[in-house]
């Protein structure tokens, strides 16, 4: 995976914190662990409008799909390598 591919999966969605200050929720994929990363604003509180909540939901779903595909590829490559070692193919 190239750096450009990693960057295309990074997202910051606007929200406000408990004091109504503009903040953002960060989202990205962690392909080697098969997870989606969500970073909340300071104080771990994000107040979202209904539209922001929908945008968060949509982006989380998109990233989950990407991570599932990447993780499946990693698992397949790993299994192929193990099979090659067992069969004596370098």
C-alpha atoms as a PDB file:
ATOM      1  CA  UNK A   1       0.000   0.000   0.000  1.00  0.00           C
ATOM      2  CA  UNK A   2       1.398   3.389  -0.950  1.00  0.00           C
ATOM      3  CA  UNK A   3       1.372   6.555   1.115  1.00  0.00           C
ATOM      4  CA  UNK A   4      -1.147   8.057  -1.340  1.00  0.00           C
ATOM      5  CA  UNK A   5      -3.535   5.178  -0.630  1.00  0.00           C
ATOM      6  CA  UNK A   6      -3.157   5.728   3.118  1.00  0.00           C
ATOM      7  CA  UNK A   7      -3.845   9.454   2.751  1.00  0.00           C
ATOM      8  CA  UNK A   8      -6.999   8.890   0.700  1.00  0.00           C
ATOM      9  CA  UNK A   9      -8.465   6.986   3.645  1.00  0.00           C
ATOM     10  CA  UNK A  10      -7.779   9.755   6.183  1.00  0.00           C
ATOM     11  CA  UNK A  11     -10.767  11.924   6.998  1.00  0.00           C
ATOM     12  CA  UNK A  12     -11.542  14.713   9.432  1.00  0.00           C
ATOM     13  CA  UNK A  13     -15.219  15.378  10.056  1.00  0.00           C
ATOM     14  CA  UNK A  14     -16.301  18.595  11.757  1.00  0.00           C
ATOM     15  CA  UNK A  15     -18.033  18.593  15.131  1.00  0.00           C
ATOM     16  CA  UNK A  16     -18.055  20.677  18.298  1.00  0.00           C
ATOM     17  CA  UNK A  17     -16.890  19.819  21.781  1.00  0.00           C
ATOM     18  CA  UNK A  18     -18.852  20.101  25.021  1.00  0.00           C
ATOM     19  CA  UNK A  19     -18.103  23.840  25.119  1.00  0.00           C
ATOM     20  CA  UNK A  20     -19.435  24.366  21.574  1.00  0.00           C
ATOM     21  CA  UNK A  21     -15.942  24.931  20.147  1.00  0.00           C
ATOM     22  CA  UNK A  22     -15.260  23.786  16.591  1.00  0.00           C
ATOM     23  CA  UNK A  23     -13.367  20.469  16.600  1.00  0.00           C
ATOM     24  CA  UNK A  24     -13.042  17.443  14.342  1.00  0.00           C
ATOM     25  CA  UNK A  25     -13.279  13.667  14.545  1.00  0.00           C
ATOM     26  CA  UNK A  26     -10.379  11.962  12.784  1.00  0.00           C
ATOM     27  CA  UNK A  27     -10.869   8.704  10.886  1.00  0.00           C
ATOM     28  CA  UNK A  28      -8.448   6.491   9.018  1.00  0.00           C
ATOM     29  CA  UNK A  29      -7.653   2.887   8.323  1.00  0.00           C
ATOM     30  CA  UNK A  30      -5.025   0.777  10.054  1.00  0.00           C
ATOM     31  CA  UNK A  31      -4.626  -1.857   7.335  1.00  0.00           C
ATOM     32  CA  UNK A  32      -2.014  -3.973   9.071  1.00  0.00           C
ATOM     33  CA  UNK A  33      -4.298  -4.541  12.052  1.00  0.00           C
ATOM     34  CA  UNK A  34      -7.561  -4.696  10.108  1.00  0.00           C
ATOM     35  CA  UNK A  35      -9.133  -1.845  12.047  1.00  0.00           C
ATOM     36  CA  UNK A  36     -10.704   1.571  11.562  1.00  0.00           C
ATOM     37  CA  UNK A  37      -9.211   4.286  13.774  1.00  0.00           C
ATOM     38  CA  UNK A  38     -11.476   6.982  15.240  1.00  0.00           C
ATOM     39  CA  UNK A  39      -9.833   9.846  17.130  1.00  0.00           C
ATOM     40  CA  UNK A  40     -12.196  11.973  19.157  1.00  0.00           C
ATOM     41  CA  UNK A  41     -11.496  15.642  19.843  1.00  0.00           C
ATOM     42  CA  UNK A  42      -9.840  16.676  23.111  1.00  0.00           C
ATOM     43  CA  UNK A  43     -11.958  15.801  26.158  1.00  0.00           C
ATOM     44  CA  UNK A  44     -13.282  12.789  24.175  1.00  0.00           C
ATOM     45  CA  UNK A  45     -16.608  14.456  23.420  1.00  0.00           C
ATOM     46  CA  UNK A  46     -17.966  15.156  19.955  1.00  0.00           C
ATOM     47  CA  UNK A  47     -21.312  16.885  19.556  1.00  0.00           C
ATOM     48  CA  UNK A  48     -22.663  16.136  16.097  1.00  0.00           C
ATOM     49  CA  UNK A  49     -25.550  17.615  14.178  1.00  0.00           C
ATOM     50  CA  UNK A  50     -27.775  15.026  12.497  1.00  0.00           C
ATOM     51  CA  UNK A  51     -25.995  15.726   9.182  1.00  0.00           C
ATOM     52  CA  UNK A  52     -22.563  15.324  10.810  1.00  0.00           C
ATOM     53  CA  UNK A  53     -23.671  12.068  12.463  1.00  0.00           C
ATOM     54  CA  UNK A  54     -24.813  10.735   9.077  1.00  0.00           C
ATOM     55  CA  UNK A  55     -21.508  11.772   7.485  1.00  0.00           C
ATOM     56  CA  UNK A  56     -19.641   9.986  10.283  1.00  0.00           C
ATOM     57  CA  UNK A  57     -21.751   6.871   9.826  1.00  0.00           C
ATOM     58  CA  UNK A  58     -21.234   6.873   6.066  1.00  0.00           C
ATOM     59  CA  UNK A  59     -17.475   7.357   6.324  1.00  0.00           C
ATOM     60  CA  UNK A  60     -17.139   4.682   9.021  1.00  0.00           C
ATOM     61  CA  UNK A  61     -18.977   2.252   6.757  1.00  0.00           C
ATOM     62  CA  UNK A  62     -16.729   3.156   3.802  1.00  0.00           C
ATOM     63  CA  UNK A  63     -13.566   2.686   5.861  1.00  0.00           C
ATOM     64  CA  UNK A  64     -14.828  -0.589   7.320  1.00  0.00           C
ATOM     65  CA  UNK A  65     -15.293  -1.896   3.775  1.00  0.00           C
ATOM     66  CA  UNK A  66     -11.759  -0.803   2.817  1.00  0.00           C
ATOM     67  CA  UNK A  67     -10.230  -2.406   5.918  1.00  0.00           C
ATOM     68  CA  UNK A  68     -12.102  -5.667   5.360  1.00  0.00           C
ATOM     69  CA  UNK A  69     -10.754  -5.866   1.810  1.00  0.00           C
ATOM     70  CA  UNK A  70      -7.202  -4.950   2.855  1.00  0.00           C
ATOM     71  CA  UNK A  71      -7.226  -7.362   5.776  1.00  0.00           C
ATOM     72  CA  UNK A  72      -8.524 -10.187   3.588  1.00  0.00           C
ATOM     73  CA  UNK A  73      -5.657  -9.498   1.158  1.00  0.00           C
ATOM     74  CA  UNK A  74      -3.098  -9.574   3.993  1.00  0.00           C
ATOM     75  CA  UNK A  75      -4.499 -12.840   5.345  1.00  0.00           C
ATOM     76  CA  UNK A  76      -4.434 -14.404   1.860  1.00  0.00           C
ATOM     77  CA  UNK A  77      -0.814 -13.301   1.246  1.00  0.00           C
ATOM     78  CA  UNK A  78       0.225 -14.619   4.655  1.00  0.00           C
ATOM     79  CA  UNK A  79      -1.440 -17.985   4.020  1.00  0.00           C
ATOM     80  CA  UNK A  80       0.213 -18.190   0.589  1.00  0.00           C
ATOM     81  CA  UNK A  81       3.632 -17.564   2.146  1.00  0.00           C
ATOM     82  CA  UNK A  82       3.083 -20.240   4.779  1.00  0.00           C
ATOM     83  CA  UNK A  83       1.989 -22.717   2.109  1.00  0.00           C
ATOM     84  CA  UNK A  84       5.045 -21.885   0.004  1.00  0.00           C
ATOM     85  CA  UNK A  85       7.388 -22.446   2.966  1.00  0.00           C
ATOM     86  CA  UNK A  86       5.759 -25.766   3.752  1.00  0.00           C
ATOM     87  CA  UNK A  87       6.062 -26.930   0.156  1.00  0.00           C
ATOM     88  CA  UNK A  88       9.697 -25.798  -0.043  1.00  0.00           C
ATOM     89  CA  UNK A  89       9.077 -23.103  -2.661  1.00  0.00           C
ATOM     90  CA  UNK A  90      11.120 -19.962  -1.947  1.00  0.00           C
END
